[in-house]
Amino acid sequence: MDGIIGALRAFAKSPSFSISYDITGTGYVNKKSLGKLMTGILTAYENPKYAPTIVDGKVTVTHCNDAVRDVAGFMDCHDFAGMNADEIYAFMEAGKGWKEVLMRDAQELANEGSLVVAGLPSRVLDEAHGHVCVIRPGEVVWSEHWKSSVPSVMNVGGQNFILRFKTSDGSFIEAGINGAFQIIPKFFAWEASL
């Protein structure tokens, strides 16, 4: 795993992936940046403060909102300061600088350096809290459960993963968004990074 993370770190430092300049003469600055996106993802993923708190075998505290806020901050998006997952979801859904995108487009957008966040609110999950995670650059993964190709993610939650997640039987499988949600979430792209 260290070799993979190291390779991702080297890839993220490549300067040729940054496209943050005014290409129209209007003052609009495109925030698309594959290097910044990967650096933000890896920095959040490796933050020991974002490990889930487990008491008596049950997950009691998670940090998905903090990880998403941090990755967004690396991309110069500061929309999520002080928000929990439900508030982040509501903010994106309201369209305040965020555009809903199709799951089939989420991976390509992330591969181009756009900030894409997947999420569902607590009312849909029937949980105490909602959940959000970042679509990471990579390849789509087959979800047997959803019978579909799904985008790769960096998930911080009850289980933190970037490549594989641990199933209930203790085995590890390659995971994308299917490892972070039981049902298909909504996907939102930060418009400044499109």
Protein backbone atom coordinates (compact mmCIF):
# COMPACT_ATOMS: atom_id res chain seq x y z
CA MET A 1 0.00 0.00 0.00
CA ASP A 2 2.86 2.42 0.77
CA GLY A 3 4.15 1.97 -2.79
CA ILE A 4 0.78 2.91 -4.24
CA ILE A 5 0.40 5.95 -1.98
CA GLY A 6 3.97 7.00 -2.86
CA ALA A 7 3.23 6.71 -6.57
CA LEU A 8 0.05 8.76 -6.14
CA ARG A 9 2.04 11.39 -4.23
CA ALA A 10 4.63 11.62 -7.02
CA PHE A 11 1.86 11.91 -9.59
CA ALA A 12 0.17 14.66 -7.58
CA LYS A 13 3.35 16.77 -7.58
CA SER A 14 3.55 16.89 -11.37
CA PRO A 15 3.18 20.57 -12.35
CA SER A 16 1.76 19.77 -15.78
CA PHE A 17 -1.66 18.97 -14.33
CA SER A 18 -2.55 22.44 -13.05
CA ILE A 19 -4.99 24.51 -15.11
CA SER A 20 -5.68 27.49 -12.86
CA TYR A 21 -5.56 30.59 -15.01
CA ASP A 22 -7.83 33.10 -16.72
CA ILE A 23 -8.30 31.69 -20.22
CA THR A 24 -11.16 33.94 -21.23
CA GLY A 25 -9.99 37.44 -20.24
CA THR A 26 -13.12 37.80 -18.10
CA GLY A 27 -11.53 37.30 -14.71
CA TYR A 28 -12.90 33.75 -14.43
CA VAL A 29 -10.19 31.47 -13.13
CA ASN A 30 -10.63 27.76 -13.73
CA LYS A 31 -9.77 25.87 -10.55
CA LYS A 32 -9.23 22.54 -12.31
CA SER A 33 -6.02 21.00 -10.97
CA LEU A 34 -5.24 17.31 -10.86
CA GLY A 35 -2.14 17.85 -8.74
CA LYS A 36 -3.97 19.90 -6.11
CA LEU A 37 -6.85 17.43 -6.06
CA MET A 38 -4.54 14.44 -5.50
CA THR A 39 -2.50 16.28 -2.85
CA GLY A 40 -5.68 17.24 -1.00
CA ILE A 41 -7.05 13.71 -1.17
CA LEU A 42 -3.84 12.11 0.08
CA THR A 43 -3.35 14.68 2.83
CA ALA A 44 -6.89 14.16 4.15
CA TYR A 45 -6.66 10.37 3.81
CA GLU A 46 -3.41 10.22 5.77
CA ASN A 47 -4.61 12.54 8.57
CA PRO A 48 -4.63 10.42 11.75
CA LYS A 49 -7.30 12.69 13.29
CA TYR A 50 -9.76 11.33 10.74
CA ALA A 51 -9.65 7.74 11.95
CA PRO A 52 -13.10 6.65 13.14
CA THR A 53 -13.69 6.47 16.89
CA ILE A 54 -14.80 2.98 17.88
CA VAL A 55 -16.33 2.24 21.29
CA ASP A 56 -17.36 -1.28 22.26
CA GLY A 57 -17.00 -2.40 18.66
CA LYS A 58 -19.30 0.34 17.30
CA VAL A 59 -18.27 3.36 15.27
CA THR A 60 -19.27 6.42 17.28
CA VAL A 61 -17.51 9.35 15.55
CA THR A 62 -16.49 9.81 11.91
CA HIS A 63 -14.96 12.70 9.98
CA CYS A 64 -16.25 12.57 6.39
CA ASN A 65 -17.23 16.25 6.50
CA ASP A 66 -13.77 17.27 7.73
CA ALA A 67 -12.01 15.27 5.02
CA VAL A 68 -14.22 16.68 2.25
CA ARG A 69 -13.75 20.22 3.62
CA ASP A 70 -9.96 19.72 3.62
CA VAL A 71 -9.84 18.39 0.06
CA ALA A 72 -12.07 21.23 -1.11
CA GLY A 73 -9.75 23.69 0.65
CA PHE A 74 -6.77 22.36 -1.31
CA MET A 75 -8.75 23.20 -4.44
CA ASP A 76 -9.40 26.75 -3.11
CA CYS A 77 -13.05 25.95 -2.40
CA HIS A 78 -14.02 27.11 1.09
CA ASP A 79 -17.75 26.45 0.95
CA PHE A 80 -17.89 23.82 3.71
CA ALA A 81 -16.34 25.56 6.74
CA GLY A 82 -18.07 24.43 9.93
CA MET A 83 -20.59 22.21 8.10
CA ASN A 84 -21.58 18.64 8.91
CA ALA A 85 -22.32 16.10 6.16
CA ASP A 86 -26.03 16.97 5.99
CA GLU A 87 -25.22 20.68 5.65
CA ILE A 88 -22.60 19.99 2.96
CA TYR A 89 -25.12 17.90 1.03
CA ALA A 90 -27.84 20.58 1.33
CA PHE A 91 -25.41 23.30 0.22
CA MET A 92 -24.39 21.35 -2.89
CA GLU A 93 -27.96 20.34 -3.69
CA ALA A 94 -29.05 23.99 -3.50
CA GLY A 95 -26.73 24.67 -6.43
CA LYS A 96 -24.64 27.35 -4.76
CA GLY A 97 -21.64 26.95 -7.06
CA TRP A 98 -22.20 23.19 -7.34
CA LYS A 99 -23.73 21.25 -10.21
CA GLU A 100 -25.26 17.79 -9.97
CA VAL A 101 -23.56 15.38 -12.37
CA LEU A 102 -24.29 11.82 -13.39
CA MET A 103 -22.41 8.96 -11.76
CA ARG A 104 -21.13 7.89 -15.17
CA ASP A 105 -19.46 11.31 -15.61
CA ALA A 106 -17.98 11.63 -12.10
CA GLN A 107 -14.81 9.60 -12.74
CA GLU A 108 -13.89 11.45 -15.92
CA LEU A 109 -14.38 14.81 -14.19
CA ALA A 110 -12.13 13.78 -11.28
CA ASN A 111 -9.53 12.46 -13.74
CA GLU A 112 -9.50 15.90 -15.35
CA GLY A 113 -8.83 17.55 -11.97
CA SER A 114 -12.35 18.68 -11.11
CA LEU A 115 -13.60 18.52 -7.53
CA VAL A 116 -16.49 16.03 -7.37
CA VAL A 117 -18.23 15.10 -4.11
CA ALA A 118 -20.73 12.28 -3.60
CA GLY A 119 -23.25 12.41 -0.79
CA LEU A 120 -26.54 11.49 0.76
CA PRO A 121 -28.34 13.12 3.69
CA SER A 122 -29.23 11.36 6.94
CA ARG A 123 -32.93 11.27 6.02
CA VAL A 124 -32.17 9.12 2.96
CA LEU A 125 -29.61 6.97 4.77
CA ASP A 126 -31.91 6.59 7.79
CA GLU A 127 -28.90 7.34 9.99
CA ALA A 128 -28.06 10.00 12.56
CA HIS A 129 -25.74 11.72 10.05
CA GLY A 130 -25.38 12.05 6.32
CA HIS A 131 -22.27 10.98 4.43
CA VAL A 132 -20.04 12.68 1.86
CA CYS A 133 -16.85 11.61 0.11
CA VAL A 134 -14.57 12.77 -2.71
CA ILE A 135 -14.32 11.11 -6.10
CA ARG A 136 -10.62 10.53 -6.66
CA PRO A 137 -8.72 10.29 -9.92
CA GLY A 138 -8.43 6.68 -11.01
CA GLU A 139 -10.34 4.02 -12.84
CA VAL A 140 -13.92 2.93 -12.50
CA VAL A 141 -14.54 -0.20 -10.43
CA TRP A 142 -17.18 -2.84 -11.05
CA SER A 143 -19.87 -3.00 -8.36
CA GLU A 144 -21.46 -6.43 -8.30
CA HIS A 145 -24.11 -5.10 -5.89
CA TRP A 146 -25.15 -2.29 -8.26
CA LYS A 147 -24.29 -4.19 -11.49
CA SER A 148 -22.53 -1.11 -12.73
CA SER A 149 -19.14 0.52 -13.09
CA VAL A 150 -18.67 3.05 -10.29
CA PRO A 151 -16.17 5.86 -9.67
CA SER A 152 -13.17 5.52 -7.34
CA VAL A 153 -13.28 7.39 -4.05
CA MET A 154 -11.33 8.52 -1.05
CA ASN A 155 -13.64 7.60 1.81
CA VAL A 156 -13.37 8.76 5.40
CA GLY A 157 -16.10 7.39 7.61
CA GLY A 158 -16.82 4.19 9.50
CA GLN A 159 -13.98 2.78 7.42
CA ASN A 160 -11.32 4.89 5.74
CA PHE A 161 -10.19 3.60 2.35
CA ILE A 162 -8.75 4.76 -0.91
CA LEU A 163 -8.32 1.44 -2.75
CA ARG A 164 -10.03 -1.44 -0.94
CA PHE A 165 -12.49 -1.83 1.87
CA LYS A 166 -13.06 -4.60 4.37
CA THR A 167 -16.28 -6.55 3.95
CA SER A 168 -18.40 -7.95 6.79
CA ASP A 169 -16.74 -11.38 6.34
CA GLY A 170 -13.28 -9.83 6.85
CA SER A 171 -12.13 -10.03 3.24
CA PHE A 172 -10.94 -7.02 1.26
CA ILE A 173 -12.34 -6.02 -2.11
CA GLU A 174 -11.50 -3.30 -4.57
CA ALA A 175 -13.96 -0.54 -3.89
CA GLY A 176 -15.27 2.61 -5.37
CA ILE A 177 -18.34 4.54 -4.34
CA ASN A 178 -20.01 1.17 -3.65
CA GLY A 179 -17.82 0.80 -0.57
CA ALA A 180 -18.91 4.16 0.81
CA PHE A 181 -22.69 3.90 0.28
CA GLN A 182 -25.27 1.12 0.33
CA ILE A 183 -27.42 3.00 -2.18
CA ILE A 184 -26.30 5.12 -5.10
CA PRO A 185 -25.57 8.66 -3.89
CA LYS A 186 -25.87 11.94 -5.74
CA PHE A 187 -22.74 13.47 -7.30
CA PHE A 188 -21.91 17.16 -7.36
CA ALA A 189 -19.09 18.99 -9.16
CA TRP A 190 -17.72 22.31 -7.99
CA GLU A 191 -18.51 24.58 -10.93
CA ALA A 192 -15.28 26.59 -10.66
CA SER A 193 -13.34 23.38 -11.36
CA LEU A 194 -15.27 22.40 -14.48
